[in-house]
Amino acid sequence: MAYLDNGNQIFKDARKNHYAVGAYNTNNLEWTRAILQAAEETRTPVLIQVSMGAAKYMGGYKVAKDLVEDEIDAMDISVPVVLNLDHGDFEAAKECIALGYSSVMFDGHALSTEENLAKTKEIVKLAHERGISVEAEIGKIGENQGAEGGELASVEDAKAFAAAGVDKLACGIGNIHGVYPADWKGLNFDRLKEIADAVSVPLVLHGGSGIPEDQVKKAISLGISKVNINTEFQLAFQAATRKYFEAHKDEDKDNKGYDPRKLLLPGTEAITASMKEMITWLGTPSIDDKIKSAGFDKSSLNLE
């Protein structure tokens, strides 16, 4: 039976040792299998995320959870897998806690700081009672808003949310969801360092797709322990699928090129390849090495 890790030990170790673990959004069966395949091939822990939109598309949070767990079993996955609600509102976070997701992100950035903090504390209490990890967001991640990105997170908010007991903290530091504009000014490393100096909680970089490798690595050196990737895989999937059609392979009736399993295979393989490259950027060590060097409890990770 599949075991879902809450990731707390993994992300604390990542913060301490200056590496990051990727958090990859799933959108369907192919996405799930592609992500798990890359994690198993590299022997690295992985965080699979389900957004509210993806859950609606897939048939609900339970369907998404069942799919991930069933694929862990079917593929004989032996590395730690964290299942996280990505950018969930208050009700979504409560539902995923009740369903047994091993991690939830409550995104209260649209609320006042006071209400965001109060609701985050409620989610922390509910989640921690069940051994579930909690991520919160401070500042605002940009949504293709232009060169500046969103609203910078404040150091005082970082202290307040860390004190509230969150296990991971996403910070607005000029990062953007989606495709970055050509005139993007880059990450605000000064603010990231200020936050990292003020709190010890693992920090999260949203909008990881499209950030140059040198900036990703610098952010990790300053305290980023989790990097979210979605758009990059969507673009890789799109490019590989387009190539398949442009080569007219879908018209090969003798080899059933029209079979959806064949149509979707190039894109699925592209996700795995893209993820394996990203893992090298993040410096994620293999779980086998961490078991030996960091004292992970192998039995607790269900790796026997």
C-alpha atoms as a PDB file:
ATOM      1  CA  MET A   1       0.000   0.000   0.000  1.00  0.00           C
ATOM      2  CA  ALA A   2       1.296   3.441  -0.960  1.00  0.00           C
ATOM      3  CA  TYR A   3       2.868   5.563   1.755  1.00  0.00           C
ATOM      4  CA  LEU A   4       2.753   9.361   1.543  1.00  0.00           C
ATOM      5  CA  ASP A   5       5.502  11.247   3.376  1.00  0.00           C
ATOM      6  CA  ASN A   6       4.756  14.700   4.834  1.00  0.00           C
ATOM      7  CA  GLY A   7       8.202  15.878   3.736  1.00  0.00           C
ATOM      8  CA  ASN A   8       9.085  17.718   6.945  1.00  0.00           C
ATOM      9  CA  GLN A   9      12.334  15.884   7.568  1.00  0.00           C
ATOM     10  CA  ILE A  10      13.304  16.091   3.920  1.00  0.00           C
ATOM     11  CA  PHE A  11      12.740  19.853   3.625  1.00  0.00           C
ATOM     12  CA  LYS A  12      14.463  20.632   6.919  1.00  0.00           C
ATOM     13  CA  ASP A  13      17.476  18.730   5.636  1.00  0.00           C
ATOM     14  CA  ALA A  14      17.277  20.585   2.313  1.00  0.00           C
ATOM     15  CA  ARG A  15      17.309  23.957   4.077  1.00  0.00           C
ATOM     16  CA  LYS A  16      20.205  22.893   6.308  1.00  0.00           C
ATOM     17  CA  ASN A  17      22.307  21.486   3.469  1.00  0.00           C
ATOM     18  CA  HIS A  18      21.468  23.997   0.725  1.00  0.00           C
ATOM     19  CA  TYR A  19      19.677  21.888  -1.826  1.00  0.00           C
ATOM     20  CA  ALA A  20      16.048  21.883  -2.951  1.00  0.00           C
ATOM     21  CA  VAL A  21      13.373  19.336  -3.754  1.00  0.00           C
ATOM     22  CA  GLY A  22      11.130  19.864  -6.748  1.00  0.00           C
ATOM     23  CA  ALA A  23       7.377  20.233  -6.434  1.00  0.00           C
ATOM     24  CA  TYR A  24       5.709  19.234  -9.678  1.00  0.00           C
ATOM     25  CA  ASN A  25       2.063  19.743 -10.565  1.00  0.00           C
ATOM     26  CA  THR A  26       0.122  16.826 -11.940  1.00  0.00           C
ATOM     27  CA  ASN A  27      -2.705  17.302 -14.395  1.00  0.00           C
ATOM     28  CA  ASN A  28      -3.678  13.757 -15.324  1.00  0.00           C
ATOM     29  CA  LEU A  29      -2.512  10.128 -15.472  1.00  0.00           C
ATOM     30  CA  GLU A  30       0.372  10.844 -17.856  1.00  0.00           C
ATOM     31  CA  TRP A  31       1.679  13.709 -15.724  1.00  0.00           C
ATOM     32  CA  THR A  32       1.555  11.555 -12.608  1.00  0.00           C
ATOM     33  CA  ARG A  33       3.415   8.658 -14.177  1.00  0.00           C
ATOM     34  CA  ALA A  34       6.010  10.945 -15.784  1.00  0.00           C
ATOM     35  CA  ILE A  35       6.795  12.632 -12.460  1.00  0.00           C
ATOM     36  CA  LEU A  36       7.005   9.371 -10.534  1.00  0.00           C
ATOM     37  CA  GLN A  37       9.187   7.829 -13.265  1.00  0.00           C
ATOM     38  CA  ALA A  38      11.744  10.647 -13.063  1.00  0.00           C
ATOM     39  CA  ALA A  39      11.807  10.485  -9.259  1.00  0.00           C
ATOM     40  CA  GLU A  40      12.380   6.733  -9.271  1.00  0.00           C
ATOM     41  CA  GLU A  41      15.048   6.866 -11.970  1.00  0.00           C
ATOM     42  CA  THR A  42      17.007   9.529 -10.074  1.00  0.00           C
ATOM     43  CA  ARG A  43      16.237   7.983  -6.653  1.00  0.00           C
ATOM     44  CA  THR A  44      15.185  11.384  -5.349  1.00  0.00           C
ATOM     45  CA  PRO A  45      12.245  12.381  -3.159  1.00  0.00           C
ATOM     46  CA  VAL A  46       9.423  14.146  -4.948  1.00  0.00           C
ATOM     47  CA  LEU A  47       6.496  16.373  -4.131  1.00  0.00           C
ATOM     48  CA  ILE A  48       3.473  15.920  -6.412  1.00  0.00           C
ATOM     49  CA  GLN A  49       1.087  18.852  -6.324  1.00  0.00           C
ATOM     50  CA  VAL A  50      -2.609  19.079  -7.100  1.00  0.00           C
ATOM     51  CA  SER A  51      -3.994  22.540  -7.792  1.00  0.00           C
ATOM     52  CA  MET A  52      -7.646  23.389  -7.305  1.00  0.00           C
ATOM     53  CA  GLY A  53      -8.068  23.643 -11.078  1.00  0.00           C
ATOM     54  CA  ALA A  54      -6.392  20.305 -11.727  1.00  0.00           C
ATOM     55  CA  ALA A  55      -8.517  18.629  -9.061  1.00  0.00           C
ATOM     56  CA  LYS A  56     -11.672  19.942 -10.712  1.00  0.00           C
ATOM     57  CA  TYR A  57     -10.454  18.693 -14.099  1.00  0.00           C
ATOM     58  CA  MET A  58      -9.497  15.267 -12.728  1.00  0.00           C
ATOM     59  CA  GLY A  59     -12.755  14.718 -10.859  1.00  0.00           C
ATOM     60  CA  GLY A  60     -11.959  15.917  -7.360  1.00  0.00           C
ATOM     61  CA  TYR A  61      -9.284  15.787  -4.686  1.00  0.00           C
ATOM     62  CA  LYS A  62     -10.063  12.170  -3.810  1.00  0.00           C
ATOM     63  CA  VAL A  63      -9.664  11.040  -7.418  1.00  0.00           C
ATOM     64  CA  ALA A  64      -6.306  12.809  -7.619  1.00  0.00           C
ATOM     65  CA  LYS A  65      -5.109  11.260  -4.352  1.00  0.00           C
ATOM     66  CA  ASP A  66      -6.282   7.791  -5.343  1.00  0.00           C
ATOM     67  CA  LEU A  67      -4.526   8.134  -8.702  1.00  0.00           C
ATOM     68  CA  VAL A  68      -1.204   9.111  -7.134  1.00  0.00           C
ATOM     69  CA  GLU A  69      -1.391   6.344  -4.538  1.00  0.00           C
ATOM     70  CA  ASP A  70      -2.412   3.721  -7.072  1.00  0.00           C
ATOM     71  CA  GLU A  71       0.426   4.696  -9.413  1.00  0.00           C
ATOM     72  CA  ILE A  72       2.948   4.571  -6.555  1.00  0.00           C
ATOM     73  CA  ASP A  73       1.881   0.967  -6.020  1.00  0.00           C
ATOM     74  CA  ALA A  74       1.585   0.050  -9.706  1.00  0.00           C
ATOM     75  CA  MET A  75       5.003   1.489 -10.563  1.00  0.00           C
ATOM     76  CA  ASP A  76       6.617   0.075  -7.422  1.00  0.00           C
ATOM     77  CA  ILE A  77       7.908   3.510  -6.418  1.00  0.00           C
ATOM     78  CA  SER A  78      10.452   3.261  -3.624  1.00  0.00           C
ATOM     79  CA  VAL A  79      11.378   6.912  -3.020  1.00  0.00           C
ATOM     80  CA  PRO A  80       9.471   9.266  -0.692  1.00  0.00           C
ATOM     81  CA  VAL A  81       6.437  10.904  -2.283  1.00  0.00           C
ATOM     82  CA  VAL A  82       4.741  13.936  -0.772  1.00  0.00           C
ATOM     83  CA  LEU A  83       1.221  14.732  -1.996  1.00  0.00           C
ATOM     84  CA  ASN A  84       0.502  18.442  -1.683  1.00  0.00           C
ATOM     85  CA  LEU A  85      -2.517  20.651  -2.308  1.00  0.00           C
ATOM     86  CA  ASP A  86      -1.155  23.602  -4.288  1.00  0.00           C
ATOM     87  CA  HIS A  87      -2.610  27.097  -3.748  1.00  0.00           C
ATOM     88  CA  GLY A  88      -5.671  25.828  -1.934  1.00  0.00           C
ATOM     89  CA  ASP A  89      -8.253  28.091  -0.378  1.00  0.00           C
ATOM     90  CA  PHE A  90      -9.491  27.477   3.173  1.00  0.00           C
ATOM     91  CA  GLU A  91     -12.161  24.938   2.236  1.00  0.00           C
ATOM     92  CA  ALA A  92      -9.906  23.071  -0.164  1.00  0.00           C
ATOM     93  CA  ALA A  93      -7.203  22.813   2.491  1.00  0.00           C
ATOM     94  CA  LYS A  94      -9.688  21.417   5.013  1.00  0.00           C
ATOM     95  CA  GLU A  95     -10.993  18.890   2.469  1.00  0.00           C
ATOM     96  CA  CYS A  96      -7.507  17.665   1.592  1.00  0.00           C
ATOM     97  CA  ILE A  97      -6.604  17.359   5.261  1.00  0.00           C
ATOM     98  CA  ALA A  98      -9.700  15.219   5.799  1.00  0.00           C
ATOM     99  CA  LEU A  99      -8.801  13.078   2.766  1.00  0.00           C
ATOM    100  CA  GLY A 100      -5.286  12.438   4.029  1.00  0.00           C
ATOM    101  CA  TYR A 101      -3.087  14.484   1.733  1.00  0.00           C
ATOM    102  CA  SER A 102       0.336  14.501   3.368  1.00  0.00           C
ATOM    103  CA  SER A 103       0.848  18.239   2.777  1.00  0.00           C
ATOM    104  CA  VAL A 104      -1.398  21.223   2.067  1.00  0.00           C
ATOM    105  CA  MET A 105      -0.719  24.746   0.969  1.00  0.00           C
ATOM    106  CA  PHE A 106      -3.215  27.270   2.265  1.00  0.00           C
ATOM    107  CA  ASP A 107      -2.939  30.303   0.011  1.00  0.00           C
ATOM    108  CA  GLY A 108      -4.403  33.311   1.790  1.00  0.00           C
ATOM    109  CA  HIS A 109      -2.466  35.952  -0.110  1.00  0.00           C
ATOM    110  CA  ALA A 110      -5.668  37.628  -1.343  1.00  0.00           C
ATOM    111  CA  LEU A 111      -6.818  38.164   2.260  1.00  0.00           C
ATOM    112  CA  SER A 112      -5.628  40.810   4.674  1.00  0.00           C
ATOM    113  CA  THR A 113      -2.463  39.805   6.502  1.00  0.00           C
ATOM    114  CA  GLU A 114      -4.450  39.438   9.714  1.00  0.00           C
ATOM    115  CA  GLU A 115      -7.056  37.118   8.190  1.00  0.00           C
ATOM    116  CA  ASN A 116      -4.434  35.167   6.269  1.00  0.00           C
ATOM    117  CA  LEU A 117      -2.508  34.560   9.496  1.00  0.00           C
ATOM    118  CA  ALA A 118      -5.618  33.638  11.486  1.00  0.00           C
ATOM    119  CA  LYS A 119      -6.817  31.110   8.901  1.00  0.00           C
ATOM    120  CA  THR A 120      -3.300  29.741   8.497  1.00  0.00           C
ATOM    121  CA  LYS A 121      -3.220  29.039  12.237  1.00  0.00           C
ATOM    122  CA  GLU A 122      -6.513  27.129  11.926  1.00  0.00           C
ATOM    123  CA  ILE A 123      -5.136  25.033   9.070  1.00  0.00           C
ATOM    124  CA  VAL A 124      -1.912  24.376  10.983  1.00  0.00           C
ATOM    125  CA  LYS A 125      -3.891  23.086  13.955  1.00  0.00           C
ATOM    126  CA  LEU A 126      -6.091  20.808  11.839  1.00  0.00           C
ATOM    127  CA  ALA A 127      -3.187  19.499   9.763  1.00  0.00           C
ATOM    128  CA  HIS A 128      -0.699  18.939  12.555  1.00  0.00           C
ATOM    129  CA  GLU A 129      -3.244  16.898  14.490  1.00  0.00           C
ATOM    130  CA  ARG A 130      -3.016  14.422  11.594  1.00  0.00           C
ATOM    131  CA  GLY A 131       0.722  14.680  10.939  1.00  0.00           C
ATOM    132  CA  ILE A 132       0.160  16.723   7.774  1.00  0.00           C
ATOM    133  CA  SER A 133       2.593  19.429   6.642  1.00  0.00           C
ATOM    134  CA  VAL A 134       1.459  23.010   5.960  1.00  0.00           C
ATOM    135  CA  GLU A 135       2.748  25.607   3.518  1.00  0.00           C
ATOM    136  CA  ALA A 136       1.646  29.241   3.629  1.00  0.00           C
ATOM    137  CA  GLU A 137       2.284  32.201   1.333  1.00  0.00           C
ATOM    138  CA  ILE A 138       3.364  35.734   2.150  1.00  0.00           C
ATOM    139  CA  GLY A 139       3.636  38.558  -0.323  1.00  0.00           C
ATOM    140  CA  LYS A 140       2.119  37.859  -3.715  1.00  0.00           C
ATOM    141  CA  ILE A 141       3.468  35.719  -6.531  1.00  0.00           C
ATOM    142  CA  GLY A 142       3.146  37.576  -9.816  1.00  0.00           C
ATOM    143  CA  GLU A 143       0.674  36.463 -12.465  1.00  0.00           C
ATOM    144  CA  ASN A 144       2.325  37.747 -15.648  1.00  0.00           C
ATOM    145  CA  GLN A 145       2.096  41.213 -14.144  1.00  0.00           C
ATOM    146  CA  GLY A 146       5.178  42.557 -15.854  1.00  0.00           C
ATOM    147  CA  ALA A 147       8.819  43.043 -15.073  1.00  0.00           C
ATOM    148  CA  GLU A 148       8.444  43.575 -11.335  1.00  0.00           C
ATOM    149  CA  GLY A 149       6.488  40.405 -10.524  1.00  0.00           C
ATOM    150  CA  GLY A 150       4.134  40.448  -7.549  1.00  0.00           C
ATOM    151  CA  GLU A 151       4.281  41.997  -4.091  1.00  0.00           C
ATOM    152  CA  LEU A 152       7.438  41.413  -2.066  1.00  0.00           C
ATOM    153  CA  ALA A 153       7.037  39.412   1.131  1.00  0.00           C
ATOM    154  CA  SER A 154       7.954  41.258   4.310  1.00  0.00           C
ATOM    155  CA  VAL A 155      10.375  40.056   6.952  1.00  0.00           C
ATOM    156  CA  GLU A 156       7.856  40.759   9.709  1.00  0.00           C
ATOM    157  CA  ASP A 157       5.234  38.592   7.982  1.00  0.00           C
ATOM    158  CA  ALA A 158       7.811  35.830   7.627  1.00  0.00           C
ATOM    159  CA  LYS A 159       8.448  35.918  11.366  1.00  0.00           C
ATOM    160  CA  ALA A 160       4.729  35.885  12.170  1.00  0.00           C
ATOM    161  CA  PHE A 161       3.911  32.948   9.910  1.00  0.00           C
ATOM    162  CA  ALA A 162       6.928  30.966  11.066  1.00  0.00           C
ATOM    163  CA  ALA A 163       5.796  31.530  14.647  1.00  0.00           C
ATOM    164  CA  ALA A 164       2.347  30.232  13.646  1.00  0.00           C
ATOM    165  CA  GLY A 165       3.944  26.846  13.044  1.00  0.00           C
ATOM    166  CA  VAL A 166       3.963  26.539   9.243  1.00  0.00           C
ATOM    167  CA  ASP A 167       6.328  23.880   7.914  1.00  0.00           C
ATOM    168  CA  LYS A 168       7.144  25.633   4.633  1.00  0.00           C
ATOM    169  CA  LEU A 169       6.846  29.281   3.648  1.00  0.00           C
ATOM    170  CA  ALA A 170       6.348  30.565   0.104  1.00  0.00           C
ATOM    171  CA  CYS A 171       7.646  34.098  -0.377  1.00  0.00           C
ATOM    172  CA  GLY A 172       6.975  36.660  -3.034  1.00  0.00           C
ATOM    173  CA  ILE A 173      10.462  37.756  -4.174  1.00  0.00           C
ATOM    174  CA  GLY A 174       9.737  38.926  -7.711  1.00  0.00           C
ATOM    175  CA  ASN A 175       8.780  35.460  -8.969  1.00  0.00           C
ATOM    176  CA  ILE A 176       5.907  34.927 -11.391  1.00  0.00           C
ATOM    177  CA  HIS A 177       3.506  32.126 -12.275  1.00  0.00           C
ATOM    178  CA  GLY A 178       3.459  31.230 -15.947  1.00  0.00           C
ATOM    179  CA  VAL A 179       5.809  32.491 -18.659  1.00  0.00           C
ATOM    180  CA  TYR A 180       8.217  35.235 -17.588  1.00  0.00           C
ATOM    181  CA  PRO A 181       8.182  38.450 -19.646  1.00  0.00           C
ATOM    182  CA  ALA A 182      11.314  39.399 -21.568  1.00  0.00           C
ATOM    183  CA  ASP A 183      11.885  42.431 -19.335  1.00  0.00           C
ATOM    184  CA  TRP A 184      11.551  40.540 -16.031  1.00  0.00           C
ATOM    185  CA  LYS A 185      13.914  42.075 -13.477  1.00  0.00           C
ATOM    186  CA  GLY A 186      14.838  38.825 -11.744  1.00  0.00           C
ATOM    187  CA  LEU A 187      14.532  37.556  -8.185  1.00  0.00           C
ATOM    188  CA  ASN A 188      15.019  39.941  -5.286  1.00  0.00           C
ATOM    189  CA  PHE A 189      17.893  38.221  -3.504  1.00  0.00           C
ATOM    190  CA  ASP A 190      18.255  40.983  -0.933  1.00  0.00           C
ATOM    191  CA  ARG A 191      14.733  40.361   0.348  1.00  0.00           C
ATOM    192  CA  LEU A 192      15.209  36.601   0.210  1.00  0.00           C
ATOM    193  CA  LYS A 193      18.360  36.858   2.335  1.00  0.00           C
ATOM    194  CA  GLU A 194      16.601  39.091   4.859  1.00  0.00           C
ATOM    195  CA  ILE A 195      13.805  36.539   5.226  1.00  0.00           C
ATOM    196  CA  ALA A 196      16.186  33.581   5.353  1.00  0.00           C
ATOM    197  CA  ASP A 197      18.233  35.307   8.068  1.00  0.00           C
ATOM    198  CA  ALA A 198      15.078  35.944  10.094  1.00  0.00           C
ATOM    199  CA  VAL A 199      13.434  32.480   9.982  1.00  0.00           C
ATOM    200  CA  SER A 200      14.702  28.900   9.831  1.00  0.00           C
ATOM    201  CA  VAL A 201      11.602  27.403   8.199  1.00  0.00           C
ATOM    202  CA  PRO A 202      12.205  25.921   4.699  1.00  0.00           C
ATOM    203  CA  LEU A 203      11.408  28.538   2.060  1.00  0.00           C
ATOM    204  CA  VAL A 204       9.534  27.918  -1.186  1.00  0.00           C
ATOM    205  CA  LEU A 205      10.083  29.397  -4.640  1.00  0.00           C
ATOM    206  CA  HIS A 206       6.893  29.435  -6.677  1.00  0.00           C
ATOM    207  CA  GLY A 207       6.983  30.102 -10.404  1.00  0.00           C
ATOM    208  CA  GLY A 208      10.182  28.107 -10.832  1.00  0.00           C
ATOM    209  CA  SER A 209       9.598  27.514 -14.552  1.00  0.00           C
ATOM    210  CA  GLY A 210      11.680  29.871 -16.668  1.00  0.00           C
ATOM    211  CA  ILE A 211      13.951  31.257 -13.942  1.00  0.00           C
ATOM    212  CA  PRO A 212      17.574  31.040 -15.164  1.00  0.00           C
ATOM    213  CA  GLU A 213      19.667  28.255 -13.649  1.00  0.00           C
ATOM    214  CA  ASP A 214      22.089  30.620 -11.928  1.00  0.00           C
ATOM    215  CA  GLN A 215      19.237  32.419 -10.154  1.00  0.00           C
ATOM    216  CA  VAL A 216      17.650  29.136  -9.069  1.00  0.00           C
ATOM    217  CA  LYS A 217      20.944  27.964  -7.609  1.00  0.00           C
ATOM    218  CA  LYS A 218      21.579  31.272  -5.843  1.00  0.00           C
ATOM    219  CA  ALA A 219      18.079  31.199  -4.334  1.00  0.00           C
ATOM    220  CA  ILE A 220      18.745  27.685  -3.037  1.00  0.00           C
ATOM    221  CA  SER A 221      22.028  28.814  -1.489  1.00  0.00           C
ATOM    222  CA  LEU A 222      20.062  31.480   0.413  1.00  0.00           C
ATOM    223  CA  GLY A 223      17.411  29.166   1.886  1.00  0.00           C
ATOM    224  CA  ILE A 224      15.000  28.061  -0.841  1.00  0.00           C
ATOM    225  CA  SER A 225      14.274  24.377  -0.173  1.00  0.00           C
ATOM    226  CA  LYS A 226      11.301  23.703  -2.463  1.00  0.00           C
ATOM    227  CA  VAL A 227      10.945  24.848  -6.071  1.00  0.00           C
ATOM    228  CA  ASN A 228       7.581  24.645  -7.848  1.00  0.00           C
ATOM    229  CA  ILE A 229       7.527  23.604 -11.504  1.00  0.00           C
ATOM    230  CA  ASN A 230       4.480  23.368 -13.779  1.00  0.00           C
ATOM    231  CA  THR A 231       4.654  25.636 -16.831  1.00  0.00           C
ATOM    232  CA  GLU A 232       8.014  24.196 -17.906  1.00  0.00           C
ATOM    233  CA  PHE A 233       6.519  20.718 -18.167  1.00  0.00           C
ATOM    234  CA  GLN A 234       3.445  22.003 -19.989  1.00  0.00           C
ATOM    235  CA  LEU A 235       5.696  23.624 -22.590  1.00  0.00           C
ATOM    236  CA  ALA A 236       7.826  20.466 -22.913  1.00  0.00           C
ATOM    237  CA  PHE A 237       4.678  18.377 -23.338  1.00  0.00           C
ATOM    238  CA  GLN A 238       3.339  20.798 -25.943  1.00  0.00           C
ATOM    239  CA  ALA A 239       6.569  20.834 -27.961  1.00  0.00           C
ATOM    240  CA  ALA A 240       6.921  17.039 -28.030  1.00  0.00           C
ATOM    241  CA  THR A 241       3.271  16.564 -28.948  1.00  0.00           C
ATOM    242  CA  ARG A 242       3.496  19.153 -31.710  1.00  0.00           C
ATOM    243  CA  LYS A 243       6.562  17.404 -33.117  1.00  0.00           C
ATOM    244  CA  TYR A 244       4.636  14.111 -33.215  1.00  0.00           C
ATOM    245  CA  PHE A 245       1.814  15.673 -35.232  1.00  0.00           C
ATOM    246  CA  GLU A 246       4.091  17.681 -37.504  1.00  0.00           C
ATOM    247  CA  ALA A 247       5.816  14.419 -38.403  1.00  0.00           C
ATOM    248  CA  HIS A 248       2.334  13.065 -39.307  1.00  0.00           C
ATOM    249  CA  LYS A 249       2.859  10.065 -37.047  1.00  0.00           C
ATOM    250  CA  ASP A 250      -0.781  10.279 -36.028  1.00  0.00           C
ATOM    251  CA  GLU A 251      -1.685   9.433 -39.648  1.00  0.00           C
ATOM    252  CA  ASP A 252       0.221   6.138 -39.585  1.00  0.00           C
ATOM    253  CA  LYS A 253      -2.758   3.807 -39.567  1.00  0.00           C
ATOM    254  CA  ASP A 254      -0.654   0.650 -39.961  1.00  0.00           C
ATOM    255  CA  ASN A 255       1.032   1.303 -36.600  1.00  0.00           C
ATOM    256  CA  LYS A 256      -2.038   2.899 -35.025  1.00  0.00           C
ATOM    257  CA  GLY A 257      -0.350   6.275 -34.669  1.00  0.00           C
ATOM    258  CA  TYR A 258      -3.747   7.691 -33.783  1.00  0.00           C
ATOM    259  CA  ASP A 259      -3.902   5.603 -30.576  1.00  0.00           C
ATOM    260  CA  PRO A 260      -4.123   8.131 -27.683  1.00  0.00           C
ATOM    261  CA  ARG A 261      -1.512   6.141 -25.782  1.00  0.00           C
ATOM    262  CA  LYS A 262       0.897   6.790 -28.659  1.00  0.00           C
ATOM    263  CA  LEU A 263      -0.236  10.373 -29.125  1.00  0.00           C
ATOM    264  CA  LEU A 264       0.502  11.196 -25.478  1.00  0.00           C
ATOM    265  CA  LEU A 265       3.722   9.210 -25.105  1.00  0.00           C
ATOM    266  CA  PRO A 266       6.209  11.776 -26.528  1.00  0.00           C
ATOM    267  CA  GLY A 267       4.848  14.502 -24.251  1.00  0.00           C
ATOM    268  CA  THR A 268       4.920  12.196 -21.244  1.00  0.00           C
ATOM    269  CA  GLU A 269       8.540  11.249 -21.924  1.00  0.00           C
ATOM    270  CA  ALA A 270       9.398  14.932 -22.362  1.00  0.00           C
ATOM    271  CA  ILE A 271       8.102  15.684 -18.869  1.00  0.00           C
ATOM    272  CA  THR A 272      10.300  12.960 -17.375  1.00  0.00           C
ATOM    273  CA  ALA A 273      13.361  14.232 -19.254  1.00  0.00           C
ATOM    274  CA  SER A 274      12.681  17.842 -18.255  1.00  0.00           C
ATOM    275  CA  MET A 275      12.230  16.878 -14.616  1.00  0.00           C
ATOM    276  CA  LYS A 276      15.486  14.903 -14.539  1.00  0.00           C
ATOM    277  CA  GLU A 277      17.304  17.985 -15.821  1.00  0.00           C
ATOM    278  CA  MET A 278      15.617  20.174 -13.200  1.00  0.00           C
ATOM    279  CA  ILE A 279      16.696  17.793 -10.429  1.00  0.00           C
ATOM    280  CA  THR A 280      20.331  18.468 -11.364  1.00  0.00           C
ATOM    281  CA  TRP A 281      19.689  22.203 -11.057  1.00  0.00           C
ATOM    282  CA  LEU A 282      18.177  21.737  -7.613  1.00  0.00           C
ATOM    283  CA  GLY A 283      21.030  19.570  -6.403  1.00  0.00           C
ATOM    284  CA  THR A 284      18.596  17.051  -4.923  1.00  0.00           C
ATOM    285  CA  PRO A 285      20.624  14.126  -3.540  1.00  0.00           C
ATOM    286  CA  SER A 286      19.472  10.551  -3.947  1.00  0.00           C
ATOM    287  CA  ILE A 287      17.500   9.194  -1.033  1.00  0.00           C
ATOM    288  CA  ASP A 288      20.008   6.362  -0.724  1.00  0.00           C
ATOM    289  CA  ASP A 289      22.808   8.855  -0.061  1.00  0.00           C
ATOM    290  CA  LYS A 290      20.683  10.776   2.426  1.00  0.00           C
ATOM    291  CA  ILE A 291      19.764   7.625   4.316  1.00  0.00           C
ATOM    292  CA  LYS A 292      23.473   6.974   4.758  1.00  0.00           C
ATOM    293  CA  SER A 293      24.639  10.507   5.515  1.00  0.00           C
ATOM    294  CA  ALA A 294      21.719  12.255   7.222  1.00  0.00           C
ATOM    295  CA  GLY A 295      20.287   9.470   9.321  1.00  0.00           C
ATOM    296  CA  PHE A 296      16.873   9.224   7.677  1.00  0.00           C
ATOM    297  CA  ASP A 297      14.783   6.466   9.226  1.00  0.00           C
ATOM    298  CA  LYS A 298      14.459   4.065   6.304  1.00  0.00           C
ATOM    299  CA  SER A 299      11.541   2.183   7.827  1.00  0.00           C
ATOM    300  CA  SER A 300       9.548   5.390   8.308  1.00  0.00           C
ATOM    301  CA  LEU A 301       9.965   6.133   4.605  1.00  0.00           C
ATOM    302  CA  ASN A 302       8.540   2.725   3.706  1.00  0.00           C
ATOM    303  CA  LEU A 303      11.642   1.836   1.709  1.00  0.00           C
ATOM    304  CA  GLU A 304      12.194  -1.662   3.089  1.00  0.00           C
END
